[in-house]
């Protein structure tokens, strides 16, 4: 389970700041969902990409 939580952190670092600011609200909500449902977080990342 720990590895699953490490993945999002690496992804956020690689996301450009310009793109991060645009999806700041979406990302913040996704992080909250990741704490409870990592699978949902991964699905949202795929939709954004």
C-alpha atoms as a PDB file:
ATOM      1  CA  UNK A   1       0.000   0.000   0.000  1.00  0.00           C
ATOM      2  CA  UNK A   2       2.868   2.390   0.769  1.00  0.00           C
ATOM      3  CA  UNK A   3       4.133   2.132  -2.801  1.00  0.00           C
ATOM      4  CA  UNK A   4       0.723   3.226  -4.111  1.00  0.00           C
ATOM      5  CA  UNK A   5       0.939   6.467  -2.126  1.00  0.00           C
ATOM      6  CA  UNK A   6       4.502   7.104  -3.322  1.00  0.00           C
ATOM      7  CA  UNK A   7       3.441   7.103  -6.984  1.00  0.00           C
ATOM      8  CA  UNK A   8       1.266  10.271  -6.840  1.00  0.00           C
ATOM      9  CA  UNK A   9       4.070  12.289  -5.237  1.00  0.00           C
ATOM     10  CA  UNK A  10       6.419  11.477  -8.121  1.00  0.00           C
ATOM     11  CA  UNK A  11       3.728  12.348 -10.665  1.00  0.00           C
ATOM     12  CA  UNK A  12       3.035  15.731  -9.050  1.00  0.00           C
ATOM     13  CA  UNK A  13       6.743  16.606  -9.194  1.00  0.00           C
ATOM     14  CA  UNK A  14       6.871  15.826 -12.916  1.00  0.00           C
ATOM     15  CA  UNK A  15       3.744  17.852 -13.701  1.00  0.00           C
ATOM     16  CA  UNK A  16       4.658  21.292 -15.145  1.00  0.00           C
ATOM     17  CA  UNK A  17       3.780  24.229 -12.918  1.00  0.00           C
ATOM     18  CA  UNK A  18       1.631  25.809 -15.637  1.00  0.00           C
ATOM     19  CA  UNK A  19      -0.440  22.649 -15.904  1.00  0.00           C
ATOM     20  CA  UNK A  20      -0.485  22.182 -12.132  1.00  0.00           C
ATOM     21  CA  UNK A  21      -1.967  25.635 -11.580  1.00  0.00           C
ATOM     22  CA  UNK A  22      -4.718  24.948 -14.121  1.00  0.00           C
ATOM     23  CA  UNK A  23      -5.723  21.703 -12.395  1.00  0.00           C
ATOM     24  CA  UNK A  24      -4.856  22.861  -8.888  1.00  0.00           C
ATOM     25  CA  UNK A  25      -8.445  22.369  -7.705  1.00  0.00           C
ATOM     26  CA  UNK A  26      -8.789  19.010  -9.464  1.00  0.00           C
ATOM     27  CA  UNK A  27      -5.456  17.812  -8.096  1.00  0.00           C
ATOM     28  CA  UNK A  28      -6.235  18.892  -4.542  1.00  0.00           C
ATOM     29  CA  UNK A  29      -9.539  17.002  -4.607  1.00  0.00           C
ATOM     30  CA  UNK A  30      -7.804  14.003  -6.194  1.00  0.00           C
ATOM     31  CA  UNK A  31      -5.284  13.933  -3.350  1.00  0.00           C
ATOM     32  CA  UNK A  32      -8.092  13.776  -0.815  1.00  0.00           C
ATOM     33  CA  UNK A  33      -9.640  10.877  -2.727  1.00  0.00           C
ATOM     34  CA  UNK A  34      -6.257   9.160  -2.982  1.00  0.00           C
ATOM     35  CA  UNK A  35      -6.057   8.925   0.800  1.00  0.00           C
ATOM     36  CA  UNK A  36      -9.235   6.833   0.812  1.00  0.00           C
ATOM     37  CA  UNK A  37      -9.343   5.358  -2.717  1.00  0.00           C
ATOM     38  CA  UNK A  38      -5.990   5.211  -4.569  1.00  0.00           C
ATOM     39  CA  UNK A  39      -7.633   3.447  -7.529  1.00  0.00           C
ATOM     40  CA  UNK A  40      -9.933   6.430  -8.088  1.00  0.00           C
ATOM     41  CA  UNK A  41      -6.950   8.777  -8.011  1.00  0.00           C
ATOM     42  CA  UNK A  42      -5.138   6.780 -10.681  1.00  0.00           C
ATOM     43  CA  UNK A  43      -8.254   6.806 -12.860  1.00  0.00           C
ATOM     44  CA  UNK A  44      -8.485  10.607 -12.628  1.00  0.00           C
ATOM     45  CA  UNK A  45      -4.832  10.960 -13.606  1.00  0.00           C
ATOM     46  CA  UNK A  46      -5.463   8.892 -16.717  1.00  0.00           C
ATOM     47  CA  UNK A  47      -8.417  11.101 -17.623  1.00  0.00           C
ATOM     48  CA  UNK A  48      -6.332  14.285 -17.198  1.00  0.00           C
ATOM     49  CA  UNK A  49      -3.532  12.886 -19.359  1.00  0.00           C
END
